[in-house]
């Protein structure tokens, strides 16, 4: 397998415009999903070049009722001090993602807990997943949560996506999506409800993925400033690079 990069991570959306400098991703089915409606720079822009892309994306989004702009920068390149200063002055939320991967055989052993039951989502359990995700997604607003319901239903019909539920003593407690390609299985949207955390559920969900796809490289993206990344490192995931992002809510 060739070296892993963020190009191996699935992007939900279509490219509606591309030039030598960037790709513009858009997902009309879910306009509120920042990770599907953004500009991805191929090369690090100057402040002047960024402003041009910024104006283009803001106008494009406002015409469609979208209230945000988001930009991702090239892999493993930190924006210049001048660009970071501009983003800060313009009140962008700046962060970075980290890419991790592991061969399933290297995932540590997980103690069996009969209280935890991991299941692939079926027609019978789809409503359970929809309700659990809806309650979690309300943190991002009612409109986002409603649109996410439709997205989950579309993903359920996608043969390249496996949806997995975790139950704790019979109660729905967490979930994960697995995006399957020819060489990788991507862990996406791993979530454990606050009531059931620190019980080993996240590890059990991951172990299920490892056992389901033993011949694939398991990959995921973690927030570079969040605590789960420390868990992944302890679980033998290997670091494969970073990517900076900047997001801002637009004013009408």
C-alpha atoms as a PDB file:
ATOM      1  CA  UNK A   1       0.000   0.000   0.000  1.00  0.00           C
ATOM      2  CA  UNK A   2       1.223   3.483  -0.839  1.00  0.00           C
ATOM      3  CA  UNK A   3       1.859   5.957   1.946  1.00  0.00           C
ATOM      4  CA  UNK A   4      -1.334   7.129   3.617  1.00  0.00           C
ATOM      5  CA  UNK A   5      -2.407  10.759   3.321  1.00  0.00           C
ATOM      6  CA  UNK A   6      -5.605  12.703   3.911  1.00  0.00           C
ATOM      7  CA  UNK A   7      -6.512  11.793   0.329  1.00  0.00           C
ATOM      8  CA  UNK A   8      -7.381   8.356   1.743  1.00  0.00           C
ATOM      9  CA  UNK A   9     -10.052   9.943   3.952  1.00  0.00           C
ATOM     10  CA  UNK A  10     -13.526   9.985   2.423  1.00  0.00           C
ATOM     11  CA  UNK A  11     -14.990  13.423   1.624  1.00  0.00           C
ATOM     12  CA  UNK A  12     -18.767  13.567   1.459  1.00  0.00           C
ATOM     13  CA  UNK A  13     -19.551  16.057  -1.300  1.00  0.00           C
ATOM     14  CA  UNK A  14     -18.964  16.813  -4.947  1.00  0.00           C
ATOM     15  CA  UNK A  15     -16.348  19.059  -6.493  1.00  0.00           C
ATOM     16  CA  UNK A  16     -18.264  21.932  -8.063  1.00  0.00           C
ATOM     17  CA  UNK A  17     -15.214  24.008  -8.974  1.00  0.00           C
ATOM     18  CA  UNK A  18     -11.506  23.267  -9.268  1.00  0.00           C
ATOM     19  CA  UNK A  19      -8.483  25.255 -10.369  1.00  0.00           C
ATOM     20  CA  UNK A  20      -4.727  25.019  -9.889  1.00  0.00           C
ATOM     21  CA  UNK A  21      -5.015  26.374  -6.364  1.00  0.00           C
ATOM     22  CA  UNK A  22      -7.998  24.648  -4.752  1.00  0.00           C
ATOM     23  CA  UNK A  23     -11.003  22.331  -4.937  1.00  0.00           C
ATOM     24  CA  UNK A  24     -14.457  23.511  -3.913  1.00  0.00           C
ATOM     25  CA  UNK A  25     -16.589  20.773  -2.317  1.00  0.00           C
ATOM     26  CA  UNK A  26     -20.365  21.146  -2.079  1.00  0.00           C
ATOM     27  CA  UNK A  27     -23.090  18.840  -0.761  1.00  0.00           C
ATOM     28  CA  UNK A  28     -26.564  20.233  -1.557  1.00  0.00           C
ATOM     29  CA  UNK A  29     -28.278  17.435   0.382  1.00  0.00           C
ATOM     30  CA  UNK A  30     -26.817  18.788   3.642  1.00  0.00           C
ATOM     31  CA  UNK A  31     -25.822  22.420   3.420  1.00  0.00           C
ATOM     32  CA  UNK A  32     -25.227  22.670   7.174  1.00  0.00           C
ATOM     33  CA  UNK A  33     -22.438  20.069   7.172  1.00  0.00           C
ATOM     34  CA  UNK A  34     -19.211  22.062   7.259  1.00  0.00           C
ATOM     35  CA  UNK A  35     -17.048  19.054   6.353  1.00  0.00           C
ATOM     36  CA  UNK A  36     -18.960  18.684   3.071  1.00  0.00           C
ATOM     37  CA  UNK A  37     -19.107  22.348   2.039  1.00  0.00           C
ATOM     38  CA  UNK A  38     -15.664  23.915   1.947  1.00  0.00           C
ATOM     39  CA  UNK A  39     -12.592  24.824  -0.071  1.00  0.00           C
ATOM     40  CA  UNK A  40      -9.544  22.562   0.027  1.00  0.00           C
ATOM     41  CA  UNK A  41      -6.333  24.342  -0.933  1.00  0.00           C
ATOM     42  CA  UNK A  42      -3.825  22.378  -3.020  1.00  0.00           C
ATOM     43  CA  UNK A  43      -1.065  24.883  -2.319  1.00  0.00           C
ATOM     44  CA  UNK A  44      -0.670  27.219   0.634  1.00  0.00           C
ATOM     45  CA  UNK A  45      -2.238  30.570  -0.345  1.00  0.00           C
ATOM     46  CA  UNK A  46      -0.905  34.023   0.318  1.00  0.00           C
ATOM     47  CA  UNK A  47      -3.214  36.336   2.237  1.00  0.00           C
ATOM     48  CA  UNK A  48      -4.268  37.959  -1.053  1.00  0.00           C
ATOM     49  CA  UNK A  49      -5.032  34.588  -2.634  1.00  0.00           C
ATOM     50  CA  UNK A  50      -6.929  33.495   0.453  1.00  0.00           C
ATOM     51  CA  UNK A  51      -9.081  36.639   0.389  1.00  0.00           C
ATOM     52  CA  UNK A  52     -10.043  35.943  -3.227  1.00  0.00           C
ATOM     53  CA  UNK A  53     -11.106  32.390  -2.371  1.00  0.00           C
ATOM     54  CA  UNK A  54     -12.828  33.654   0.761  1.00  0.00           C
ATOM     55  CA  UNK A  55     -14.945  36.150  -1.171  1.00  0.00           C
ATOM     56  CA  UNK A  56     -15.861  33.514  -3.742  1.00  0.00           C
ATOM     57  CA  UNK A  57     -16.943  30.936  -1.156  1.00  0.00           C
ATOM     58  CA  UNK A  58     -18.815  33.429   1.018  1.00  0.00           C
ATOM     59  CA  UNK A  59     -20.848  34.655  -1.965  1.00  0.00           C
ATOM     60  CA  UNK A  60     -21.485  31.077  -3.120  1.00  0.00           C
ATOM     61  CA  UNK A  61     -22.715  30.027   0.318  1.00  0.00           C
ATOM     62  CA  UNK A  62     -24.817  33.107   1.056  1.00  0.00           C
ATOM     63  CA  UNK A  63     -26.691  32.628  -2.218  1.00  0.00           C
ATOM     64  CA  UNK A  64     -27.660  29.166  -0.969  1.00  0.00           C
ATOM     65  CA  UNK A  65     -28.531  30.212   2.556  1.00  0.00           C
ATOM     66  CA  UNK A  66     -25.379  28.771   4.078  1.00  0.00           C
ATOM     67  CA  UNK A  67     -24.041  30.605   7.100  1.00  0.00           C
ATOM     68  CA  UNK A  68     -20.436  29.457   7.135  1.00  0.00           C
ATOM     69  CA  UNK A  69     -17.183  29.331   5.222  1.00  0.00           C
ATOM     70  CA  UNK A  70     -14.575  26.657   5.765  1.00  0.00           C
ATOM     71  CA  UNK A  71     -11.089  26.125   4.359  1.00  0.00           C
ATOM     72  CA  UNK A  72      -8.599  23.300   4.648  1.00  0.00           C
ATOM     73  CA  UNK A  73      -4.921  23.746   3.898  1.00  0.00           C
ATOM     74  CA  UNK A  74      -2.358  21.388   2.303  1.00  0.00           C
ATOM     75  CA  UNK A  75      -1.200  18.323   4.200  1.00  0.00           C
ATOM     76  CA  UNK A  76       1.641  18.796   6.673  1.00  0.00           C
ATOM     77  CA  UNK A  77       2.040  22.527   6.003  1.00  0.00           C
ATOM     78  CA  UNK A  78       1.328  25.081   8.702  1.00  0.00           C
ATOM     79  CA  UNK A  79      -0.127  28.390   7.439  1.00  0.00           C
ATOM     80  CA  UNK A  80       2.309  31.298   7.457  1.00  0.00           C
ATOM     81  CA  UNK A  81       2.372  33.733  10.346  1.00  0.00           C
ATOM     82  CA  UNK A  82       0.845  36.386   8.105  1.00  0.00           C
ATOM     83  CA  UNK A  83      -2.048  34.104   7.101  1.00  0.00           C
ATOM     84  CA  UNK A  84      -2.633  32.966  10.683  1.00  0.00           C
ATOM     85  CA  UNK A  85      -2.708  36.592  11.802  1.00  0.00           C
ATOM     86  CA  UNK A  86      -5.331  37.410   9.158  1.00  0.00           C
ATOM     87  CA  UNK A  87      -7.463  34.392  10.126  1.00  0.00           C
ATOM     88  CA  UNK A  88      -7.242  35.384  13.777  1.00  0.00           C
ATOM     89  CA  UNK A  89      -8.139  39.012  13.053  1.00  0.00           C
ATOM     90  CA  UNK A  90     -11.145  37.848  11.027  1.00  0.00           C
ATOM     91  CA  UNK A  91     -12.235  35.626  13.921  1.00  0.00           C
ATOM     92  CA  UNK A  92     -11.839  32.289  12.229  1.00  0.00           C
ATOM     93  CA  UNK A  93     -11.787  29.176  14.362  1.00  0.00           C
ATOM     94  CA  UNK A  94      -8.402  27.631  13.565  1.00  0.00           C
ATOM     95  CA  UNK A  95      -7.530  24.035  14.281  1.00  0.00           C
ATOM     96  CA  UNK A  96      -5.739  21.033  12.863  1.00  0.00           C
ATOM     97  CA  UNK A  97      -6.529  17.395  12.238  1.00  0.00           C
ATOM     98  CA  UNK A  98      -4.226  14.404  12.602  1.00  0.00           C
ATOM     99  CA  UNK A  99      -4.293  11.252  10.489  1.00  0.00           C
ATOM    100  CA  UNK A 100      -3.836   7.860  12.166  1.00  0.00           C
ATOM    101  CA  UNK A 101      -3.722   4.283  10.883  1.00  0.00           C
ATOM    102  CA  UNK A 102      -3.285   0.795  12.254  1.00  0.00           C
ATOM    103  CA  UNK A 103      -3.054  -2.751  11.000  1.00  0.00           C
ATOM    104  CA  UNK A 104      -5.845  -4.643  12.820  1.00  0.00           C
ATOM    105  CA  UNK A 105      -3.397  -7.259  14.152  1.00  0.00           C
ATOM    106  CA  UNK A 106      -1.652  -4.515  16.131  1.00  0.00           C
ATOM    107  CA  UNK A 107      -4.766  -3.350  17.976  1.00  0.00           C
ATOM    108  CA  UNK A 108      -4.424  -4.267  21.669  1.00  0.00           C
ATOM    109  CA  UNK A 109      -6.484  -6.998  23.295  1.00  0.00           C
ATOM    110  CA  UNK A 110      -9.832  -5.897  24.728  1.00  0.00           C
ATOM    111  CA  UNK A 111     -11.311  -7.452  27.848  1.00  0.00           C
ATOM    112  CA  UNK A 112     -14.639  -9.056  27.078  1.00  0.00           C
ATOM    113  CA  UNK A 113     -17.592  -7.449  28.852  1.00  0.00           C
ATOM    114  CA  UNK A 114     -20.932  -9.277  28.590  1.00  0.00           C
ATOM    115  CA  UNK A 115     -22.750  -6.001  29.293  1.00  0.00           C
ATOM    116  CA  UNK A 116     -21.556  -4.624  25.927  1.00  0.00           C
ATOM    117  CA  UNK A 117     -23.128  -5.864  22.710  1.00  0.00           C
ATOM    118  CA  UNK A 118     -21.898  -4.676  19.302  1.00  0.00           C
ATOM    119  CA  UNK A 119     -24.204  -5.060  16.288  1.00  0.00           C
ATOM    120  CA  UNK A 120     -24.198  -4.083  12.634  1.00  0.00           C
ATOM    121  CA  UNK A 121     -27.240  -1.879  11.972  1.00  0.00           C
ATOM    122  CA  UNK A 122     -30.125  -3.641  10.244  1.00  0.00           C
ATOM    123  CA  UNK A 123     -33.603  -2.606   9.142  1.00  0.00           C
ATOM    124  CA  UNK A 124     -34.826  -3.488  12.628  1.00  0.00           C
ATOM    125  CA  UNK A 125     -32.241  -1.358  14.452  1.00  0.00           C
ATOM    126  CA  UNK A 126     -31.999   1.598  12.045  1.00  0.00           C
ATOM    127  CA  UNK A 127     -34.538   3.622  14.052  1.00  0.00           C
ATOM    128  CA  UNK A 128     -32.440   3.071  17.173  1.00  0.00           C
ATOM    129  CA  UNK A 129     -29.413   4.536  15.388  1.00  0.00           C
ATOM    130  CA  UNK A 130     -31.458   7.446  14.035  1.00  0.00           C
ATOM    131  CA  UNK A 131     -32.748   8.360  17.484  1.00  0.00           C
ATOM    132  CA  UNK A 132     -29.339   8.057  19.157  1.00  0.00           C
ATOM    133  CA  UNK A 133     -27.628  10.194  16.539  1.00  0.00           C
ATOM    134  CA  UNK A 134     -30.473  12.737  16.498  1.00  0.00           C
ATOM    135  CA  UNK A 135     -30.150  13.322  20.239  1.00  0.00           C
ATOM    136  CA  UNK A 136     -26.390  13.703  19.900  1.00  0.00           C
ATOM    137  CA  UNK A 137     -26.615  15.975  16.838  1.00  0.00           C
ATOM    138  CA  UNK A 138     -29.018  18.386  18.556  1.00  0.00           C
ATOM    139  CA  UNK A 139     -25.848  19.953  19.979  1.00  0.00           C
ATOM    140  CA  UNK A 140     -25.326  21.327  16.457  1.00  0.00           C
ATOM    141  CA  UNK A 141     -28.880  22.630  16.081  1.00  0.00           C
ATOM    142  CA  UNK A 142     -32.263  21.182  15.137  1.00  0.00           C
ATOM    143  CA  UNK A 143     -31.829  21.796  11.409  1.00  0.00           C
ATOM    144  CA  UNK A 144     -28.488  19.972  11.372  1.00  0.00           C
ATOM    145  CA  UNK A 145     -29.944  17.063  13.344  1.00  0.00           C
ATOM    146  CA  UNK A 146     -32.898  16.748  10.957  1.00  0.00           C
ATOM    147  CA  UNK A 147     -30.669  16.797   7.874  1.00  0.00           C
ATOM    148  CA  UNK A 148     -28.397  14.218   9.522  1.00  0.00           C
ATOM    149  CA  UNK A 149     -31.328  11.808   9.789  1.00  0.00           C
ATOM    150  CA  UNK A 150     -31.687  11.828   6.016  1.00  0.00           C
ATOM    151  CA  UNK A 151     -27.930  11.401   5.612  1.00  0.00           C
ATOM    152  CA  UNK A 152     -27.902   8.348   7.880  1.00  0.00           C
ATOM    153  CA  UNK A 153     -30.711   6.801   5.844  1.00  0.00           C
ATOM    154  CA  UNK A 154     -28.731   7.351   2.628  1.00  0.00           C
ATOM    155  CA  UNK A 155     -25.626   5.866   4.225  1.00  0.00           C
ATOM    156  CA  UNK A 156     -27.624   2.823   5.327  1.00  0.00           C
ATOM    157  CA  UNK A 157     -28.273   2.066   1.650  1.00  0.00           C
ATOM    158  CA  UNK A 158     -24.595   2.510   0.721  1.00  0.00           C
ATOM    159  CA  UNK A 159     -22.813  -0.836   0.407  1.00  0.00           C
ATOM    160  CA  UNK A 160     -19.484   0.875   1.105  1.00  0.00           C
ATOM    161  CA  UNK A 161     -20.594   2.052   4.549  1.00  0.00           C
ATOM    162  CA  UNK A 162     -21.177  -0.180   7.548  1.00  0.00           C
ATOM    163  CA  UNK A 163     -23.073   1.336  10.470  1.00  0.00           C
ATOM    164  CA  UNK A 164     -22.423  -0.224  13.874  1.00  0.00           C
ATOM    165  CA  UNK A 165     -24.306   0.165  17.168  1.00  0.00           C
ATOM    166  CA  UNK A 166     -23.110  -0.498  20.703  1.00  0.00           C
ATOM    167  CA  UNK A 167     -25.539  -1.479  23.461  1.00  0.00           C
ATOM    168  CA  UNK A 168     -24.791  -1.432  27.180  1.00  0.00           C
ATOM    169  CA  UNK A 169     -27.051  -3.700  29.232  1.00  0.00           C
ATOM    170  CA  UNK A 170     -29.532  -3.508  26.378  1.00  0.00           C
ATOM    171  CA  UNK A 171     -29.560   0.285  26.043  1.00  0.00           C
ATOM    172  CA  UNK A 172     -28.143   2.025  22.940  1.00  0.00           C
ATOM    173  CA  UNK A 173     -24.867   3.562  24.054  1.00  0.00           C
ATOM    174  CA  UNK A 174     -22.732   4.416  21.007  1.00  0.00           C
ATOM    175  CA  UNK A 175     -22.065   3.976  17.331  1.00  0.00           C
ATOM    176  CA  UNK A 176     -19.486   4.157  14.587  1.00  0.00           C
ATOM    177  CA  UNK A 177     -19.544   4.324  10.793  1.00  0.00           C
ATOM    178  CA  UNK A 178     -17.016   2.330   8.791  1.00  0.00           C
ATOM    179  CA  UNK A 179     -16.280   3.628   5.286  1.00  0.00           C
ATOM    180  CA  UNK A 180     -14.890   0.788   3.216  1.00  0.00           C
ATOM    181  CA  UNK A 181     -12.506   1.089   0.262  1.00  0.00           C
ATOM    182  CA  UNK A 182     -10.356  -1.453  -1.559  1.00  0.00           C
ATOM    183  CA  UNK A 183      -7.459  -1.063   0.888  1.00  0.00           C
ATOM    184  CA  UNK A 184      -8.783   0.795   3.937  1.00  0.00           C
ATOM    185  CA  UNK A 185     -11.584   0.770   6.486  1.00  0.00           C
ATOM    186  CA  UNK A 186     -12.136   4.299   7.803  1.00  0.00           C
ATOM    187  CA  UNK A 187     -13.508   4.780  11.310  1.00  0.00           C
ATOM    188  CA  UNK A 188     -15.870   7.742  11.126  1.00  0.00           C
ATOM    189  CA  UNK A 189     -18.240   9.381  13.628  1.00  0.00           C
ATOM    190  CA  UNK A 190     -17.207   7.243  16.591  1.00  0.00           C
ATOM    191  CA  UNK A 191     -19.429   8.315  19.488  1.00  0.00           C
ATOM    192  CA  UNK A 192     -20.270   7.018  22.957  1.00  0.00           C
ATOM    193  CA  UNK A 193     -23.123   8.616  24.902  1.00  0.00           C
ATOM    194  CA  UNK A 194     -21.965  10.517  27.990  1.00  0.00           C
ATOM    195  CA  UNK A 195     -23.946   8.185  30.270  1.00  0.00           C
ATOM    196  CA  UNK A 196     -21.898   5.201  29.116  1.00  0.00           C
ATOM    197  CA  UNK A 197     -18.371   6.529  28.811  1.00  0.00           C
ATOM    198  CA  UNK A 198     -15.340   5.000  30.546  1.00  0.00           C
ATOM    199  CA  UNK A 199     -16.836   1.536  30.247  1.00  0.00           C
ATOM    200  CA  UNK A 200     -14.685   0.333  27.349  1.00  0.00           C
ATOM    201  CA  UNK A 201     -17.367   0.834  24.704  1.00  0.00           C
ATOM    202  CA  UNK A 202     -15.191   2.858  22.320  1.00  0.00           C
ATOM    203  CA  UNK A 203     -12.516   0.157  22.438  1.00  0.00           C
ATOM    204  CA  UNK A 204     -15.083  -2.554  21.790  1.00  0.00           C
ATOM    205  CA  UNK A 205     -16.451  -0.660  18.786  1.00  0.00           C
ATOM    206  CA  UNK A 206     -12.940  -0.341  17.377  1.00  0.00           C
ATOM    207  CA  UNK A 207     -12.167  -3.990  18.088  1.00  0.00           C
ATOM    208  CA  UNK A 208     -15.282  -4.932  16.139  1.00  0.00           C
ATOM    209  CA  UNK A 209     -13.933  -2.978  13.158  1.00  0.00           C
ATOM    210  CA  UNK A 210     -10.543  -4.695  13.453  1.00  0.00           C
ATOM    211  CA  UNK A 211     -12.162  -8.122  13.494  1.00  0.00           C
ATOM    212  CA  UNK A 212     -14.497  -7.261  10.607  1.00  0.00           C
ATOM    213  CA  UNK A 213     -11.728  -5.997   8.307  1.00  0.00           C
ATOM    214  CA  UNK A 214      -8.537  -7.845   9.296  1.00  0.00           C
ATOM    215  CA  UNK A 215      -6.909  -7.461   5.866  1.00  0.00           C
ATOM    216  CA  UNK A 216      -7.449  -3.708   5.531  1.00  0.00           C
ATOM    217  CA  UNK A 217      -5.586  -0.760   6.995  1.00  0.00           C
ATOM    218  CA  UNK A 218      -7.875   0.932   9.524  1.00  0.00           C
ATOM    219  CA  UNK A 219      -7.648   4.724   9.335  1.00  0.00           C
ATOM    220  CA  UNK A 220      -9.199   7.675  11.125  1.00  0.00           C
ATOM    221  CA  UNK A 221      -8.878  11.414  11.634  1.00  0.00           C
ATOM    222  CA  UNK A 222      -8.617  12.967  15.105  1.00  0.00           C
ATOM    223  CA  UNK A 223      -8.847  16.551  16.295  1.00  0.00           C
ATOM    224  CA  UNK A 224      -5.266  17.592  16.930  1.00  0.00           C
ATOM    225  CA  UNK A 225      -6.268  19.420  20.113  1.00  0.00           C
ATOM    226  CA  UNK A 226      -8.725  16.878  21.547  1.00  0.00           C
ATOM    227  CA  UNK A 227      -8.195  14.022  23.998  1.00  0.00           C
ATOM    228  CA  UNK A 228      -9.233  11.002  21.830  1.00  0.00           C
ATOM    229  CA  UNK A 229      -5.959  11.288  19.921  1.00  0.00           C
ATOM    230  CA  UNK A 230      -4.135  10.203  23.082  1.00  0.00           C
ATOM    231  CA  UNK A 231      -6.333   7.104  23.224  1.00  0.00           C
ATOM    232  CA  UNK A 232      -5.479   6.247  19.634  1.00  0.00           C
ATOM    233  CA  UNK A 233      -1.765   6.560  20.295  1.00  0.00           C
ATOM    234  CA  UNK A 234      -2.048   4.210  23.292  1.00  0.00           C
ATOM    235  CA  UNK A 235      -3.933   1.748  21.079  1.00  0.00           C
ATOM    236  CA  UNK A 236      -0.955   1.508  18.685  1.00  0.00           C
ATOM    237  CA  UNK A 237      -2.320   3.725  15.913  1.00  0.00           C
ATOM    238  CA  UNK A 238       0.499   5.314  13.914  1.00  0.00           C
ATOM    239  CA  UNK A 239       0.594   9.020  13.136  1.00  0.00           C
ATOM    240  CA  UNK A 240       0.607   9.908   9.418  1.00  0.00           C
ATOM    241  CA  UNK A 241       0.432  13.700   9.280  1.00  0.00           C
ATOM    242  CA  UNK A 242      -1.628  16.798   9.987  1.00  0.00           C
ATOM    243  CA  UNK A 243      -3.841  19.296   8.207  1.00  0.00           C
ATOM    244  CA  UNK A 244      -4.875  22.805   9.272  1.00  0.00           C
ATOM    245  CA  UNK A 245      -8.447  24.073   8.922  1.00  0.00           C
ATOM    246  CA  UNK A 246     -10.218  27.408   9.410  1.00  0.00           C
ATOM    247  CA  UNK A 247     -13.965  27.912   9.842  1.00  0.00           C
ATOM    248  CA  UNK A 248     -16.093  31.010  10.313  1.00  0.00           C
ATOM    249  CA  UNK A 249     -19.783  31.803  10.670  1.00  0.00           C
ATOM    250  CA  UNK A 250     -20.756  34.437   8.107  1.00  0.00           C
ATOM    251  CA  UNK A 251     -22.679  37.615   8.769  1.00  0.00           C
ATOM    252  CA  UNK A 252     -25.513  38.418   6.373  1.00  0.00           C
END
